[in-house]
Amino acid sequence: MDKLSCLREFMQRHGVQAFITPSTDSHSGEYVPQYYESRRWLSGFTGSAGTAVVTSDKAALWTDSRYFIQAEEQLRGSEFELMKDRIEGTPTIEEWLVKYLKPGSMVGIDGWVNTIADVETLKVSLKEYGVDVRHVGDPFSEIWTDRPFLPESPVFIHDMQFAGETVSSKIARIRGGLGDKGVLISALDEVCWTLNLRGNDIEYNPVFVSYLVVLPETTILYINKVKVSEQVEEYLKNEGVEIRPYESIATDLQGIEIPMCVQADKTNYACYTLLQNPIIQNSPVSTMIIMKNETEVKGYHSAMLKDGIAMVKWLKWLLPAVEQGGQTELSLVKKLYDLRAEQPLFVGDSFGNIMAYGAHAAIVHYEPTIDTDMDVKAEGLLLCDVGSQYYDGTTDMTRTIPLGPLTHEMRRDYTLVLKGWINIARAKFPRGTCGTQLDVLARAPMWQYGINYLHGTGHGVGSFLNCHEGPHQIRMNYKPQPLCPGMTVTDEPGIYMEGKYGIRHENTLLVIEDKDGVVFGPYYKFESLTLCPIFPQPIINNMLDADEIEWLNGYHRYVCDKLFPFLDIEHQLWLQEMCEPIK
């Protein structure tokens, strides 16, 4: 029996006419342990974002623009129909369901992997059509016969020299925002940040599977105890944190009588239904974690410096190596990894490296594999989007590299992306401004040419934590969180021409204070944390205005000043040539 048939047999036994499988785990993560890769197992689509919906005779998968090309390829020949999310003409999941379900039908979900917000939205949308939603449990515990186990890797202490604030201080601040209420912290990065602990349960993200409950007098970590060494157990005990088995969260939640805060977009529906007195309220940690302290900011600068050194060495090596021949996307990934691994406090990649040559770069989140790896030639463009995890910080940067002759279209689009990238980087804005209000700065130059991109322009970056951090973002759809000093955010506009090429420039930025405005209080601006030159060869100089040229030349002076003391003369000369002022 094939996978869809097994799922449909489960659905029939549980009296549901459709079943929804998201990409998330019990902790609403973007990247999840292999145990939770049910949507991937069921559909064959390997992207990090997507939702599979199955009825008795239909199957569809929704994903966003980063994965349209990839999903088309991976779903080809299957029963799944690709639904391009947020594209005109694409039905929502609710619209699709009511098209194929009769009134009185039941939609099944696993409440442990669907957030409160998602389930409540689904319920409201389907109710007017006479369709209901029911938590029926996890079908994949039955039908996925060789399912991986939940990871058991040990947790470790994130030292104060990197964290900059004690656990007791953080918990006191959390309690200060709760009054007589408690809070269930489900997001794994928030658990790790609060306890100054890290783990290895999810590839690229130094987190561990757990829940944290903070009550007025008690703090409880729910975790598989095999992951906790005597040292960590003693450390937590000294911080006033009790350890209980991970699976006991279900029973314990039912016994808590005081009001418990749960964040609708970060807490699973099953936990919500178990609480006696749940209150939908954002966790204090969700805003505390994104405000970086002085130690964390210092760590970012250190991590970005190390990444910059590695990138200069790699970029200088790259063009001669490609011209000599024999290089592929994967060989370039390995060479860059080896150079970054030479740097102090290096832990690993912060996400799967995007090393995309030619048409592969039009696949926004393309990651080369043995099956897709291709030769890299001394022509066209290479898009390199990479990030590192260091004990003192997390990095994320993208450079688009000319390897040889370029078309006028490539040079034009390279310059348009550069203009938008510079516009964000040199923005100044009043207190209270959110990323959505800045997003147009990145897109306006390309809109003049009828070009756009559908992914976000920027996301927060964790401090030796998840590369994607929120709730602040720079994107078209409304994200109300204001940008405040101490937040990190990426700046990464792009242009993608299917079957031809992709272009993206990306730096990680820090929000800092600028000055008081003439009216309406303080203004903020960005400091560029990333230290890596932009290739000048593809730029059409007369497409840049004087202010843009001045900013780019200033950025290149800054990069040289920071990196020169750590480079030998050979690499200094290469970098100096790369950063020659544009006129």
Protein backbone atom coordinates (compact mmCIF):
# COMPACT_ATOMS: atom_id res chain seq x y z
CA MET A 1 0.00 0.00 0.00
CA ASP A 2 1.43 3.41 -0.96
CA LYS A 3 1.79 6.32 1.48
CA LEU A 4 -1.37 8.16 0.45
CA SER A 5 -3.42 4.99 0.63
CA CYS A 6 -2.14 4.35 4.16
CA LEU A 7 -3.07 7.88 5.21
CA ARG A 8 -6.52 7.57 3.64
CA GLU A 9 -7.12 4.31 5.47
CA PHE A 10 -6.23 6.11 8.73
CA MET A 11 -8.62 8.94 7.81
CA GLN A 12 -11.45 6.50 7.16
CA ARG A 13 -10.96 4.77 10.53
CA HIS A 14 -11.04 8.14 12.32
CA GLY A 15 -14.05 9.51 10.47
CA VAL A 16 -12.36 12.43 8.72
CA GLN A 17 -12.70 13.31 5.07
CA ALA A 18 -9.48 15.32 4.81
CA PHE A 19 -6.17 15.54 6.68
CA ILE A 20 -3.73 18.44 6.90
CA THR A 21 0.01 17.85 7.31
CA PRO A 22 2.10 20.98 7.97
CA SER A 23 5.89 21.23 7.96
CA THR A 24 6.22 22.08 11.63
CA ASP A 25 6.84 20.09 14.81
CA SER A 26 5.36 20.37 18.30
CA HIS A 27 7.37 23.56 18.78
CA SER A 28 6.32 25.44 15.62
CA GLY A 29 9.80 25.26 14.20
CA GLU A 30 10.78 26.15 10.66
CA TYR A 31 13.46 23.48 10.70
CA VAL A 32 12.52 20.30 12.51
CA PRO A 33 14.04 16.99 13.66
CA GLN A 34 13.77 14.21 11.07
CA TYR A 35 11.11 12.59 13.26
CA TYR A 36 8.74 15.42 12.31
CA GLU A 37 9.42 15.48 8.56
CA SER A 38 6.03 13.88 7.87
CA ARG A 39 5.04 16.26 5.09
CA ARG A 40 8.34 15.59 3.35
CA TRP A 41 7.92 11.81 3.75
CA LEU A 42 4.34 11.90 2.47
CA SER A 43 4.77 14.21 -0.53
CA GLY A 44 8.42 13.91 -1.56
CA PHE A 45 8.80 17.70 -1.46
CA THR A 46 11.92 18.56 0.56
CA GLY A 47 11.58 22.34 1.03
CA SER A 48 11.41 23.72 4.55
CA ALA A 49 7.96 25.30 4.12
CA GLY A 50 4.82 23.66 2.84
CA THR A 51 1.48 22.14 3.82
CA ALA A 52 0.05 18.93 2.37
CA VAL A 53 -3.73 18.39 2.30
CA VAL A 54 -5.25 15.04 1.40
CA THR A 55 -8.87 14.00 0.83
CA SER A 56 -10.25 10.62 -0.19
CA ASP A 57 -9.38 11.28 -3.84
CA LYS A 58 -7.38 14.54 -4.00
CA ALA A 59 -3.99 15.72 -2.79
CA ALA A 60 -2.46 19.20 -2.90
CA LEU A 61 0.60 20.94 -1.51
CA TRP A 62 0.92 24.65 -0.72
CA THR A 63 4.32 26.35 -0.61
CA ASP A 64 5.72 29.84 -1.07
CA SER A 65 7.64 31.45 -3.92
CA ARG A 66 11.05 30.34 -2.62
CA TYR A 67 10.15 26.78 -3.59
CA PHE A 68 7.89 27.00 -6.66
CA ILE A 69 10.47 25.63 -9.10
CA GLN A 70 11.74 22.99 -6.67
CA ALA A 71 8.23 21.82 -5.80
CA GLU A 72 7.21 21.53 -9.45
CA GLU A 73 10.15 19.22 -10.05
CA GLN A 74 9.73 17.12 -6.92
CA LEU A 75 5.94 16.70 -7.20
CA ARG A 76 6.02 15.83 -10.90
CA GLY A 77 4.44 12.42 -11.48
CA SER A 78 2.82 12.29 -8.04
CA GLU A 79 -0.81 12.71 -7.07
CA PHE A 80 -0.04 16.04 -5.42
CA GLU A 81 -1.09 19.24 -7.17
CA LEU A 82 1.16 22.24 -6.51
CA MET A 83 -0.57 25.28 -5.03
CA LYS A 84 1.53 28.45 -5.36
CA ASP A 85 0.73 30.28 -2.15
CA ARG A 86 -0.23 33.98 -2.39
CA ILE A 87 -0.32 33.89 -6.19
CA GLU A 88 -3.47 35.21 -7.87
CA GLY A 89 -5.77 32.34 -8.75
CA THR A 90 -4.38 29.98 -6.11
CA PRO A 91 -7.10 28.94 -3.64
CA THR A 92 -6.39 29.00 0.07
CA ILE A 93 -6.42 25.69 1.89
CA GLU A 94 -9.88 26.54 3.22
CA GLU A 95 -11.22 27.41 -0.25
CA TRP A 96 -9.81 24.21 -1.68
CA LEU A 97 -11.31 22.09 1.10
CA VAL A 98 -14.84 23.44 0.76
CA LYS A 99 -14.66 22.88 -2.99
CA TYR A 100 -14.20 19.14 -2.49
CA LEU A 101 -15.89 18.48 0.88
CA LYS A 102 -19.61 18.29 1.57
CA PRO A 103 -21.29 20.09 4.50
CA GLY A 104 -21.00 17.94 7.59
CA SER A 105 -17.49 16.78 6.65
CA MET A 106 -14.67 16.62 9.17
CA VAL A 107 -11.09 17.79 8.61
CA GLY A 108 -8.49 15.91 10.63
CA ILE A 109 -5.37 17.41 12.18
CA ASP A 110 -2.66 16.39 14.62
CA GLY A 111 -3.02 19.05 17.29
CA TRP A 112 0.57 18.50 18.43
CA VAL A 113 2.01 19.92 15.18
CA ASN A 114 -0.53 22.67 14.38
CA THR A 115 -0.45 26.02 16.14
CA ILE A 116 -3.39 27.53 18.00
CA ALA A 117 -3.56 30.34 15.44
CA ASP A 118 -3.66 27.98 12.46
CA VAL A 119 -6.34 25.73 13.93
CA GLU A 120 -8.59 28.57 15.10
CA THR A 121 -8.31 30.30 11.71
CA LEU A 122 -9.16 27.03 9.97
CA LYS A 123 -12.15 26.43 12.22
CA VAL A 124 -13.61 29.87 11.66
CA SER A 125 -13.11 29.72 7.90
CA LEU A 126 -14.71 26.28 7.52
CA LYS A 127 -17.57 26.72 9.97
CA GLU A 128 -19.72 28.80 7.62
CA TYR A 129 -19.57 25.94 5.12
CA GLY A 130 -20.64 23.35 7.67
CA VAL A 131 -17.19 21.74 7.84
CA ASP A 132 -15.54 21.08 11.22
CA VAL A 133 -12.00 20.35 12.43
CA ARG A 134 -10.99 17.51 14.75
CA HIS A 135 -7.74 16.58 16.48
CA VAL A 136 -7.27 12.90 15.58
CA GLY A 137 -3.64 12.43 16.59
CA ASP A 138 -0.56 11.55 14.59
CA PRO A 139 -1.19 9.13 11.70
CA PHE A 140 2.49 8.91 10.91
CA SER A 141 3.23 7.12 14.17
CA GLU A 142 1.31 4.24 12.53
CA ILE A 143 1.97 4.47 8.81
CA TRP A 144 5.61 5.68 8.73
CA THR A 145 7.18 2.34 9.58
CA ASP A 146 10.86 3.38 9.46
CA ARG A 147 10.31 6.77 11.09
CA PRO A 148 13.45 8.21 12.75
CA PHE A 149 13.49 8.53 16.52
CA LEU A 150 13.50 11.85 18.33
CA PRO A 151 17.13 12.94 18.78
CA GLU A 152 18.95 12.31 22.05
CA SER A 153 21.99 14.53 21.62
CA PRO A 154 23.28 16.14 24.84
CA VAL A 155 22.60 19.77 25.73
CA PHE A 156 25.45 22.06 26.74
CA ILE A 157 25.89 25.34 28.59
CA HIS A 158 26.16 28.56 26.60
CA ASP A 159 28.77 30.41 28.61
CA MET A 160 28.19 33.87 30.06
CA GLN A 161 31.05 35.26 27.97
CA PHE A 162 28.72 34.72 24.98
CA ALA A 163 25.26 35.10 26.57
CA GLY A 164 25.83 38.29 28.55
CA GLU A 165 22.95 37.77 31.00
CA THR A 166 22.31 35.16 33.68
CA VAL A 167 19.41 32.73 33.67
CA SER A 168 18.10 34.11 36.95
CA SER A 169 18.03 37.62 35.48
CA LYS A 170 16.14 36.44 32.41
CA ILE A 171 13.57 34.48 34.42
CA ALA A 172 13.07 37.44 36.74
CA ARG A 173 12.36 39.64 33.71
CA ILE A 174 9.94 37.06 32.32
CA ARG A 175 8.06 36.90 35.62
CA GLY A 176 8.03 40.67 35.77
CA GLY A 177 5.95 40.71 32.61
CA LEU A 178 3.50 38.05 33.79
CA GLY A 179 2.25 39.18 37.19
CA ASP A 180 0.37 36.29 38.80
CA LYS A 181 0.23 34.31 35.55
CA GLY A 182 2.48 31.58 34.21
CA VAL A 183 3.77 31.01 30.68
CA LEU A 184 4.34 27.97 28.51
CA ILE A 185 7.41 28.50 26.32
CA SER A 186 7.29 26.13 23.36
CA ALA A 187 9.64 27.68 20.79
CA LEU A 188 12.97 25.89 21.09
CA ASP A 189 15.14 28.96 20.54
CA GLU A 190 13.26 30.74 23.33
CA VAL A 191 13.85 27.82 25.72
CA CYS A 192 17.56 27.80 24.84
CA TRP A 193 17.92 31.56 25.18
CA THR A 194 16.15 31.66 28.56
CA LEU A 195 18.28 28.89 30.07
CA ASN A 196 21.60 29.78 28.37
CA LEU A 197 21.73 26.25 26.99
CA ARG A 198 22.25 24.95 23.46
CA GLY A 199 21.86 21.58 21.75
CA ASN A 200 22.20 19.62 18.52
CA ASP A 201 18.73 18.22 17.89
CA ILE A 202 18.07 20.10 14.65
CA GLU A 203 20.52 20.48 11.80
CA TYR A 204 21.98 24.00 11.62
CA ASN A 205 19.98 25.23 14.67
CA PRO A 206 21.73 24.72 18.04
CA VAL A 207 18.54 23.88 19.95
CA PHE A 208 17.07 20.88 21.75
CA VAL A 209 13.55 19.42 21.93
CA SER A 210 11.89 20.64 25.13
CA TYR A 211 9.23 22.79 26.78
CA LEU A 212 9.74 25.37 29.51
CA VAL A 213 7.06 26.33 32.02
CA VAL A 214 7.65 29.47 34.09
CA LEU A 215 5.30 29.85 37.08
CA PRO A 216 5.38 32.56 39.77
CA GLU A 217 7.50 30.39 42.06
CA THR A 218 8.70 27.52 39.88
CA THR A 219 10.51 26.96 36.58
CA ILE A 220 10.27 23.53 34.95
CA LEU A 221 12.18 22.19 31.93
CA TYR A 222 10.51 19.26 30.15
CA ILE A 223 13.18 17.27 28.34
CA ASN A 224 14.34 13.71 27.73
CA LYS A 225 16.63 13.30 30.73
CA VAL A 226 19.14 11.22 28.77
CA LYS A 227 20.16 14.51 27.15
CA VAL A 228 21.09 16.15 30.47
CA SER A 229 24.56 15.55 31.91
CA GLU A 230 25.31 15.79 35.63
CA GLN A 231 27.02 19.12 34.96
CA VAL A 232 23.97 20.59 33.21
CA GLU A 233 21.62 19.14 35.84
CA GLU A 234 23.64 20.79 38.61
CA TYR A 235 23.76 24.04 36.62
CA LEU A 236 19.97 24.09 36.23
CA LYS A 237 19.44 23.21 39.87
CA ASN A 238 21.59 26.17 40.90
CA GLU A 239 19.45 28.39 38.65
CA GLY A 240 16.27 27.12 40.32
CA VAL A 241 15.11 25.08 37.31
CA GLU A 242 13.45 21.71 37.87
CA ILE A 243 13.78 18.94 35.24
CA ARG A 244 10.88 16.66 34.32
CA PRO A 245 10.42 14.08 31.52
CA TYR A 246 9.46 15.55 28.15
CA GLU A 247 6.33 13.44 27.76
CA SER A 248 4.94 14.47 31.16
CA ILE A 249 4.07 17.93 29.77
CA ALA A 250 0.62 16.68 28.76
CA THR A 251 -0.33 15.51 32.26
CA ASP A 252 1.26 18.46 34.06
CA LEU A 253 -0.48 21.11 31.95
CA GLN A 254 -3.86 19.73 32.96
CA GLY A 255 -2.98 20.24 36.62
CA ILE A 256 -2.02 23.93 36.43
CA GLU A 257 -4.82 26.04 37.89
CA ILE A 258 -3.44 29.56 37.46
CA PRO A 259 -3.87 31.45 34.16
CA MET A 260 -1.24 30.35 31.63
CA CYS A 261 -0.06 32.53 28.77
CA VAL A 262 0.37 30.80 25.43
CA GLN A 263 1.46 32.47 22.18
CA ALA A 264 -0.98 31.59 19.43
CA ASP A 265 1.56 31.30 16.63
CA LYS A 266 4.19 29.42 18.66
CA THR A 267 2.16 26.99 20.80
CA ASN A 268 0.61 23.80 19.50
CA TYR A 269 -3.13 23.31 19.69
CA ALA A 270 -2.92 20.15 21.81
CA CYS A 271 -1.13 21.95 24.66
CA TYR A 272 -3.67 24.76 24.47
CA THR A 273 -6.62 22.37 24.90
CA LEU A 274 -5.00 20.71 27.92
CA LEU A 275 -4.74 23.89 29.98
CA GLN A 276 -7.50 24.79 32.45
CA ASN A 277 -7.14 28.55 32.03
CA PRO A 278 -5.20 29.46 28.88
CA ILE A 279 -4.69 33.10 27.93
CA ILE A 280 -3.66 34.00 24.39
CA GLN A 281 -0.80 36.41 24.95
CA ASN A 282 2.63 36.82 23.43
CA SER A 283 5.39 35.31 25.50
CA PRO A 284 7.66 37.97 27.04
CA VAL A 285 10.58 35.98 25.64
CA SER A 286 9.50 36.58 22.03
CA THR A 287 10.53 40.23 22.33
CA MET A 288 13.31 39.82 24.89
CA ILE A 289 15.28 37.43 22.69
CA ILE A 290 15.48 39.81 19.71
CA MET A 291 16.92 42.71 21.73
CA LYS A 292 20.63 41.94 21.74
CA ASN A 293 22.71 42.93 24.74
CA GLU A 294 26.23 44.38 24.50
CA THR A 295 27.88 40.98 24.80
CA GLU A 296 25.76 39.53 22.01
CA VAL A 297 26.45 42.53 19.75
CA LYS A 298 30.16 42.11 20.38
CA GLY A 299 29.75 38.45 19.45
CA TYR A 300 28.08 39.34 16.16
CA HIS A 301 30.97 41.62 15.25
CA SER A 302 33.44 38.84 16.05
CA ALA A 303 31.51 36.23 14.05
CA MET A 304 31.07 38.53 11.05
CA LEU A 305 34.78 39.36 11.07
CA LYS A 306 35.68 35.67 10.95
CA ASP A 307 33.19 35.01 8.16
CA GLY A 308 34.58 38.00 6.25
CA ILE A 309 38.13 36.66 6.48
CA ALA A 310 37.00 33.26 5.19
CA MET A 311 34.96 34.82 2.38
CA VAL A 312 37.87 36.94 1.13
CA LYS A 313 40.12 33.88 1.02
CA TRP A 314 37.44 31.90 -0.81
CA LEU A 315 36.56 34.62 -3.29
CA LYS A 316 40.21 35.19 -4.19
CA TRP A 317 40.60 31.44 -4.77
CA LEU A 318 37.32 31.05 -6.64
CA LEU A 319 37.81 32.67 -10.06
CA PRO A 320 41.19 31.05 -10.86
CA ALA A 321 39.87 27.69 -9.64
CA VAL A 322 36.79 27.91 -11.87
CA GLU A 323 38.88 29.00 -14.87
CA GLN A 324 41.18 26.02 -14.32
CA GLY A 325 38.17 23.71 -14.45
CA GLY A 326 36.91 20.76 -12.42
CA GLN A 327 34.84 22.74 -9.90
CA THR A 328 31.21 21.96 -9.11
CA GLU A 329 28.65 23.54 -6.80
CA LEU A 330 29.45 20.98 -4.10
CA SER A 331 33.20 21.41 -4.39
CA LEU A 332 32.73 25.15 -3.90
CA VAL A 333 30.61 24.48 -0.80
CA LYS A 334 33.30 22.24 0.65
CA LYS A 335 36.11 24.71 0.00
CA LEU A 336 34.22 27.55 1.69
CA TYR A 337 33.23 25.35 4.64
CA ASP A 338 36.87 24.34 5.16
CA LEU A 339 37.96 28.00 5.22
CA ARG A 340 35.26 28.98 7.70
CA ALA A 341 36.10 25.95 9.85
CA GLU A 342 39.62 27.36 10.30
CA GLN A 343 38.16 30.27 12.24
CA PRO A 344 38.06 30.23 16.08
CA LEU A 345 34.82 29.14 17.77
CA PHE A 346 33.35 27.78 14.51
CA VAL A 347 30.57 25.24 15.07
CA GLY A 348 29.05 24.66 11.62
CA ASP A 349 26.66 25.99 9.00
CA SER A 350 23.66 28.07 10.10
CA PHE A 351 21.56 26.69 7.22
CA GLY A 352 22.04 24.50 4.17
CA ASN A 353 24.48 26.36 1.90
CA ILE A 354 22.90 27.81 -1.24
CA MET A 355 25.60 27.47 -3.89
CA ALA A 356 23.61 28.00 -7.06
CA TYR A 357 25.16 28.30 -10.50
CA GLY A 358 23.33 29.57 -13.59
CA ALA A 359 19.67 28.55 -13.76
CA HIS A 360 19.89 26.89 -10.34
CA ALA A 361 20.07 30.37 -8.76
CA ALA A 362 16.51 31.07 -9.94
CA ILE A 363 15.45 28.42 -7.39
CA VAL A 364 15.47 30.79 -4.43
CA HIS A 365 16.43 28.22 -1.78
CA TYR A 366 18.35 25.80 -3.99
CA GLU A 367 20.78 23.58 -2.08
CA PRO A 368 23.06 21.39 -4.21
CA THR A 369 22.96 17.64 -3.74
CA ILE A 370 24.81 14.76 -5.35
CA ASP A 371 21.88 14.40 -7.75
CA THR A 372 21.68 18.10 -8.72
CA ASP A 373 25.37 19.08 -8.51
CA MET A 374 26.59 20.73 -11.70
CA ASP A 375 29.90 21.91 -13.15
CA VAL A 376 30.68 25.58 -12.59
CA LYS A 377 32.14 27.31 -15.62
CA ALA A 378 33.89 30.63 -16.18
CA GLU A 379 30.75 32.31 -17.47
CA GLY A 380 27.52 33.71 -16.06
CA LEU A 381 26.63 34.17 -12.39
CA LEU A 382 27.05 32.18 -9.20
CA LEU A 383 24.77 32.90 -6.22
CA CYS A 384 26.37 32.05 -2.88
CA ASP A 385 24.12 32.33 0.21
CA VAL A 386 25.90 30.97 3.29
CA GLY A 387 25.90 31.31 7.03
CA SER A 388 27.91 30.08 9.99
CA GLN A 389 27.32 29.17 13.59
CA TYR A 390 30.05 30.35 15.94
CA TYR A 391 29.80 30.13 19.72
CA ASP A 392 29.80 33.93 19.74
CA GLY A 393 27.34 34.58 16.92
CA THR A 394 25.35 33.51 13.88
CA THR A 395 25.98 34.82 10.36
CA ASP A 396 24.02 35.01 7.10
CA MET A 397 25.23 36.64 3.87
CA THR A 398 24.72 36.38 0.12
CA ARG A 399 26.96 37.42 -2.74
CA THR A 400 26.30 37.07 -6.46
CA ILE A 401 29.56 36.47 -8.26
CA PRO A 402 30.37 37.10 -11.93
CA LEU A 403 32.39 34.19 -13.29
CA GLY A 404 32.78 35.45 -16.85
CA PRO A 405 30.93 37.29 -19.61
CA LEU A 406 27.47 38.60 -18.63
CA THR A 407 24.48 39.71 -20.66
CA HIS A 408 23.15 43.26 -20.41
CA GLU A 409 20.04 41.81 -18.70
CA MET A 410 22.20 40.19 -16.01
CA ARG A 411 24.12 43.42 -15.39
CA ARG A 412 20.92 45.48 -15.28
CA ASP A 413 19.29 43.15 -12.75
CA TYR A 414 22.47 42.94 -10.68
CA THR A 415 22.44 46.74 -10.46
CA LEU A 416 18.72 46.93 -9.66
CA VAL A 417 19.13 44.50 -6.78
CA LEU A 418 22.15 46.49 -5.60
CA LYS A 419 20.13 49.72 -5.60
CA GLY A 420 17.42 48.17 -3.44
CA TRP A 421 20.01 46.63 -1.13
CA ILE A 422 21.72 49.98 -0.64
CA ASN A 423 18.38 51.73 -0.08
CA ILE A 424 17.61 49.49 2.89
CA ALA A 425 21.15 49.64 4.29
CA ARG A 426 21.26 53.46 4.38
CA ALA A 427 17.67 53.95 5.53
CA LYS A 428 16.90 56.26 8.45
CA PHE A 429 13.51 55.98 10.10
CA PRO A 430 11.56 57.26 13.11
CA ARG A 431 10.85 55.22 16.21
CA GLY A 432 7.83 52.98 15.68
CA THR A 433 8.66 52.08 12.08
CA CYS A 434 8.14 48.42 11.20
CA GLY A 435 9.85 46.44 8.46
CA THR A 436 6.81 46.48 6.19
CA GLN A 437 7.12 50.27 5.95
CA LEU A 438 10.72 49.96 4.74
CA ASP A 439 10.20 47.06 2.34
CA VAL A 440 9.32 49.29 -0.63
CA LEU A 441 12.81 50.81 -0.51
CA ALA A 442 14.25 47.50 -1.69
CA ARG A 443 11.65 46.89 -4.40
CA ALA A 444 11.13 50.36 -5.87
CA PRO A 445 14.11 50.30 -8.29
CA MET A 446 13.06 46.99 -9.84
CA TRP A 447 9.36 47.92 -9.90
CA GLN A 448 10.29 50.63 -12.40
CA TYR A 449 11.22 47.79 -14.74
CA GLY A 450 8.18 45.62 -13.98
CA ILE A 451 10.24 43.22 -11.85
CA ASN A 452 9.54 41.93 -8.34
CA TYR A 453 10.41 39.11 -5.95
CA LEU A 454 8.00 37.36 -3.59
CA HIS A 455 10.14 36.40 -0.62
CA GLY A 456 10.76 38.66 2.35
CA THR A 457 13.45 41.31 2.21
CA GLY A 458 14.78 40.65 5.69
CA HIS A 459 14.53 38.51 8.82
CA GLY A 460 16.03 38.58 12.28
CA VAL A 461 19.15 36.52 13.05
CA GLY A 462 19.68 34.73 16.38
CA SER A 463 22.72 34.90 18.65
CA PHE A 464 24.23 31.41 18.24
CA LEU A 465 20.65 30.34 17.66
CA ASN A 466 18.27 30.07 14.72
CA CYS A 467 19.33 31.92 11.60
CA HIS A 468 15.69 32.97 11.12
CA GLU A 469 14.36 34.92 14.09
CA GLY A 470 11.29 37.12 14.53
CA PRO A 471 8.73 38.56 14.93
CA HIS A 472 10.34 41.57 13.19
CA GLN A 473 10.82 41.22 9.45
CA ILE A 474 11.16 43.37 6.35
CA ARG A 475 8.54 42.13 3.89
CA MET A 476 5.50 43.18 1.85
CA ASN A 477 2.86 41.53 4.03
CA TYR A 478 2.24 43.39 7.26
CA LYS A 479 4.48 42.61 10.24
CA PRO A 480 3.67 45.12 12.99
CA GLN A 481 6.74 44.62 15.22
CA PRO A 482 8.70 47.93 15.20
CA LEU A 483 12.41 47.86 14.45
CA CYS A 484 14.31 48.90 17.58
CA PRO A 485 17.97 49.38 18.51
CA GLY A 486 19.54 46.03 19.37
CA MET A 487 17.67 44.04 16.72
CA THR A 488 19.45 42.29 13.90
CA VAL A 489 17.81 41.98 10.49
CA THR A 490 18.97 40.88 7.05
CA ASP A 491 18.81 42.95 3.88
CA GLU A 492 18.36 40.58 0.92
CA PRO A 493 16.42 41.69 -2.16
CA GLY A 494 16.70 39.56 -5.29
CA ILE A 495 15.69 38.99 -8.90
CA TYR A 496 15.09 35.51 -10.29
CA MET A 497 14.69 34.62 -13.97
CA GLU A 498 13.52 31.03 -14.27
CA GLY A 499 15.77 28.91 -16.42
CA LYS A 500 18.40 31.67 -16.63
CA TYR A 501 19.86 33.09 -13.43
CA GLY A 502 19.20 34.45 -9.95
CA ILE A 503 20.71 37.46 -8.21
CA ARG A 504 20.64 38.35 -4.52
CA HIS A 505 22.77 40.56 -2.29
CA GLU A 506 22.52 40.11 1.48
CA ASN A 507 24.05 41.66 4.57
CA THR A 508 23.07 41.26 8.19
CA LEU A 509 22.32 44.62 9.81
CA LEU A 510 22.05 45.92 13.36
CA VAL A 511 19.46 48.57 14.25
CA ILE A 512 21.16 51.43 16.08
CA GLU A 513 20.22 54.93 17.22
CA ASP A 514 20.75 57.78 14.78
CA LYS A 515 19.66 61.10 16.28
CA ASP A 516 16.60 62.92 17.50
CA GLY A 517 14.38 64.05 14.69
CA VAL A 518 13.24 67.62 14.17
CA VAL A 519 9.81 66.31 15.12
CA PHE A 520 8.44 63.04 16.51
CA GLY A 521 11.34 61.87 18.63
CA PRO A 522 14.35 59.64 17.96
CA TYR A 523 15.38 58.22 14.59
CA TYR A 524 17.13 54.93 13.95
CA LYS A 525 19.42 53.57 11.24
CA PHE A 526 21.30 50.40 10.33
CA GLU A 527 24.89 49.35 10.95
CA SER A 528 26.22 46.77 8.47
CA LEU A 529 27.60 43.77 10.37
CA THR A 530 28.58 41.70 7.32
CA LEU A 531 32.13 42.26 6.04
CA CYS A 532 32.42 41.20 2.42
CA PRO A 533 32.88 43.19 -0.79
CA ILE A 534 30.35 43.43 -3.60
CA PHE A 535 31.75 42.53 -7.02
CA PRO A 536 31.92 45.79 -9.00
CA GLN A 537 32.31 44.31 -12.50
CA PRO A 538 28.59 43.71 -13.23
CA ILE A 539 27.47 47.13 -12.00
CA ILE A 540 26.12 49.55 -14.61
CA ASN A 541 27.55 52.64 -12.92
CA ASN A 542 25.26 55.20 -14.53
CA MET A 543 22.25 53.40 -13.04
CA LEU A 544 23.46 54.38 -9.56
CA ASP A 545 22.93 57.90 -8.23
CA ALA A 546 25.65 59.83 -6.42
CA ASP A 547 24.36 58.94 -2.93
CA GLU A 548 24.29 55.22 -3.75
CA ILE A 549 27.84 55.34 -5.09
CA GLU A 550 29.00 57.24 -2.02
CA TRP A 551 27.39 54.66 0.29
CA LEU A 552 28.89 51.67 -1.56
CA ASN A 553 32.35 53.22 -1.60
CA GLY A 554 32.03 53.95 2.12
CA TYR A 555 30.96 50.37 2.82
CA HIS A 556 33.96 49.05 0.92
CA ARG A 557 36.32 51.32 2.90
CA TYR A 558 34.75 49.97 6.08
CA VAL A 559 35.24 46.35 4.93
CA CYS A 560 38.90 47.01 4.11
CA ASP A 561 39.55 48.76 7.41
CA LYS A 562 38.09 45.85 9.39
CA LEU A 563 39.62 42.94 7.45
CA PHE A 564 43.07 44.25 6.48
CA PRO A 565 44.77 43.53 9.86
CA PHE A 566 43.80 39.86 9.58
CA LEU A 567 44.88 39.23 5.97
CA ASP A 568 48.28 38.60 4.41
CA ILE A 569 49.59 40.99 1.77
CA GLU A 570 48.31 38.85 -1.10
CA HIS A 571 44.73 38.93 0.14
CA GLN A 572 45.00 42.60 1.14
CA LEU A 573 45.94 43.52 -2.43
CA TRP A 574 43.05 41.46 -3.83
CA LEU A 575 40.57 43.06 -1.42
CA GLN A 576 41.93 46.55 -2.14
CA GLU A 577 41.40 46.01 -5.86
CA MET A 578 37.86 44.72 -5.26
CA CYS A 579 37.05 47.79 -3.18
CA GLU A 580 38.42 50.43 -5.56
CA PRO A 581 36.04 53.42 -5.45
CA ILE A 582 33.35 53.51 -8.10
CA LYS A 583 33.18 56.81 -9.96
